[in-house]
Amino acid sequence: MEFHDVLHGFIRLGLPFNRSLLEELLVSPEVERLRNMRLMNFSVPLIQELASAKRLPHSVGVCFLAQEIAKRCLGSEKKVSTLMVAALLHDAAIPPYGHLVEATLRKEHPKFDHSEILRRAALRYVPS
């Protein structure tokens, strides 16, 4: 699969990543919600592209970087795929407006933990 990202440029996600798993993740509710979420909630004068960047392309970019690093360091297809799934899903449980509202959410819902939500969601997709 090929993508173009304002921060990472041309991205190709490929072997050893399972294409059907990637397609399933990209249309999952956890990832789909990132399509319209801004990466930053404020302007960054030196990198203006960040003001309009969305979390989904960012997550695809992180997945690409994980793929490139993992292919060189981890070797096994299962380990590479697991790292890529984690990278693609890393923002999937972040609430709207990102980490800025987590403290407020925890006041109202003390058990709120986006990392735990993400862990449970990721277990559905990690290759066994």
Protein backbone atom coordinates (compact mmCIF):
# COMPACT_ATOMS: atom_id res chain seq x y z
CA MET A 1 0.00 0.00 0.00
CA GLU A 2 1.25 3.45 -0.84
CA PHE A 3 0.58 6.78 0.86
CA HIS A 4 1.81 10.33 0.69
CA ASP A 5 2.24 12.25 3.92
CA VAL A 6 3.15 15.93 4.43
CA LEU A 7 5.71 15.00 7.07
CA HIS A 8 7.08 11.65 5.85
CA GLY A 9 6.66 12.05 2.08
CA PHE A 10 6.14 8.87 0.02
CA ILE A 11 5.34 5.85 2.19
CA ARG A 12 5.11 2.23 1.11
CA LEU A 13 3.86 -0.31 3.61
CA GLY A 14 4.69 -3.75 2.38
CA LEU A 15 6.34 -7.00 3.20
CA PRO A 16 6.47 -8.48 5.71
CA PHE A 17 3.27 -6.70 6.76
CA ASN A 18 0.13 -8.66 6.02
CA ARG A 19 -1.86 -6.52 3.53
CA SER A 20 -5.27 -7.81 4.66
CA LEU A 21 -4.39 -6.97 8.28
CA LEU A 22 -3.38 -3.45 7.24
CA GLU A 23 -6.62 -3.01 5.31
CA GLU A 24 -8.63 -4.29 8.28
CA LEU A 25 -6.87 -1.89 10.65
CA LEU A 26 -7.30 1.13 8.38
CA VAL A 27 -11.10 0.69 8.32
CA SER A 28 -11.42 -0.26 11.99
CA PRO A 29 -13.39 2.18 14.16
CA GLU A 30 -10.31 2.74 16.31
CA VAL A 31 -8.24 3.96 13.35
CA GLU A 32 -11.04 5.51 11.29
CA ARG A 33 -11.73 8.04 14.04
CA LEU A 34 -8.19 9.41 13.58
CA ARG A 35 -9.04 10.54 10.04
CA ASN A 36 -10.54 13.82 11.27
CA MET A 37 -8.57 14.35 14.47
CA ARG A 38 -5.88 17.01 14.35
CA LEU A 39 -2.39 15.98 15.33
CA MET A 40 -1.75 19.28 17.11
CA ASN A 41 -4.30 21.46 18.84
CA PHE A 42 -2.32 24.63 18.29
CA SER A 43 -0.25 26.23 15.55
CA VAL A 44 3.46 25.55 15.29
CA PRO A 45 5.07 28.59 13.63
CA LEU A 46 8.21 26.79 12.42
CA ILE A 47 6.37 23.75 11.01
CA GLN A 48 3.06 25.10 9.74
CA GLU A 49 2.07 21.74 8.21
CA LEU A 50 1.57 20.40 11.74
CA ALA A 51 -1.33 22.81 12.25
CA SER A 52 -3.37 20.97 9.61
CA ALA A 53 -1.90 17.48 9.96
CA LYS A 54 -4.31 14.74 11.00
CA ARG A 55 -3.64 11.81 13.29
CA LEU A 56 -4.32 9.10 10.68
CA PRO A 57 -1.49 10.10 8.30
CA HIS A 58 0.73 10.54 11.35
CA SER A 59 -0.10 6.99 12.49
CA VAL A 60 0.59 5.62 9.00
CA GLY A 61 3.93 7.47 9.06
CA VAL A 62 4.82 6.01 12.45
CA CYS A 63 3.88 2.56 11.13
CA PHE A 64 6.19 3.11 8.16
CA LEU A 65 9.08 4.16 10.41
CA ALA A 66 8.44 1.11 12.62
CA GLN A 67 8.49 -1.10 9.52
CA GLU A 68 11.81 0.28 8.34
CA ILE A 69 13.45 -0.04 11.75
CA ALA A 70 11.94 -3.45 12.52
CA LYS A 71 12.99 -4.99 9.20
CA ARG A 72 16.59 -4.17 10.05
CA CYS A 73 16.50 -5.10 13.74
CA LEU A 74 13.83 -7.69 14.52
CA GLY A 75 13.96 -10.12 11.64
CA SER A 76 10.96 -12.34 12.26
CA GLU A 77 7.79 -11.50 10.35
CA LYS A 78 5.67 -11.87 13.49
CA LYS A 79 7.80 -9.38 15.45
CA VAL A 80 7.83 -6.88 12.59
CA SER A 81 4.06 -7.16 12.12
CA THR A 82 3.42 -6.82 15.85
CA LEU A 83 5.51 -3.65 16.04
CA MET A 84 3.78 -2.22 12.97
CA VAL A 85 0.32 -2.91 14.43
CA ALA A 86 1.37 -1.18 17.66
CA ALA A 87 2.72 1.78 15.69
CA LEU A 88 -0.42 2.13 13.57
CA LEU A 89 -2.66 1.92 16.63
CA HIS A 90 -0.57 4.09 18.96
CA ASP A 91 -3.02 7.05 18.81
CA ALA A 92 -6.20 5.00 18.40
CA ALA A 93 -7.39 5.46 21.99
CA ILE A 94 -6.38 9.08 22.49
CA PRO A 95 -9.40 11.24 23.32
CA PRO A 96 -10.40 14.26 21.24
CA TYR A 97 -7.93 17.12 21.79
CA GLY A 98 -5.29 14.55 22.68
CA HIS A 99 -3.46 14.42 25.95
CA LEU A 100 -4.66 17.92 26.89
CA VAL A 101 -7.98 16.60 28.21
CA GLU A 102 -6.79 13.37 29.84
CA ALA A 103 -6.30 14.95 33.27
CA THR A 104 -9.86 16.28 33.16
CA LEU A 105 -11.20 12.92 32.01
CA ARG A 106 -9.43 11.19 34.91
CA LYS A 107 -11.09 13.55 37.39
CA GLU A 108 -14.52 12.48 36.13
CA HIS A 109 -13.56 8.88 35.29
CA PRO A 110 -10.62 7.83 37.50
CA LYS A 111 -10.19 4.51 35.69
CA PHE A 112 -9.74 6.18 32.29
CA ASP A 113 -6.47 5.01 30.76
CA HIS A 114 -6.02 5.37 27.00
CA SER A 115 -3.11 2.93 27.09
CA GLU A 116 -5.32 0.19 28.51
CA ILE A 117 -8.07 0.93 25.97
CA LEU A 118 -5.48 0.69 23.21
CA ARG A 119 -4.05 -2.56 24.60
CA ARG A 120 -7.50 -4.18 24.55
CA ALA A 121 -8.20 -2.92 21.02
CA ALA A 122 -4.81 -4.05 19.70
CA LEU A 123 -5.26 -7.60 20.97
CA ARG A 124 -7.92 -8.06 18.29
CA TYR A 125 -5.37 -7.37 15.54
CA VAL A 126 -1.98 -8.66 16.71
CA PRO A 127 -1.07 -11.75 14.67
CA SER A 128 -1.07 -14.93 16.74
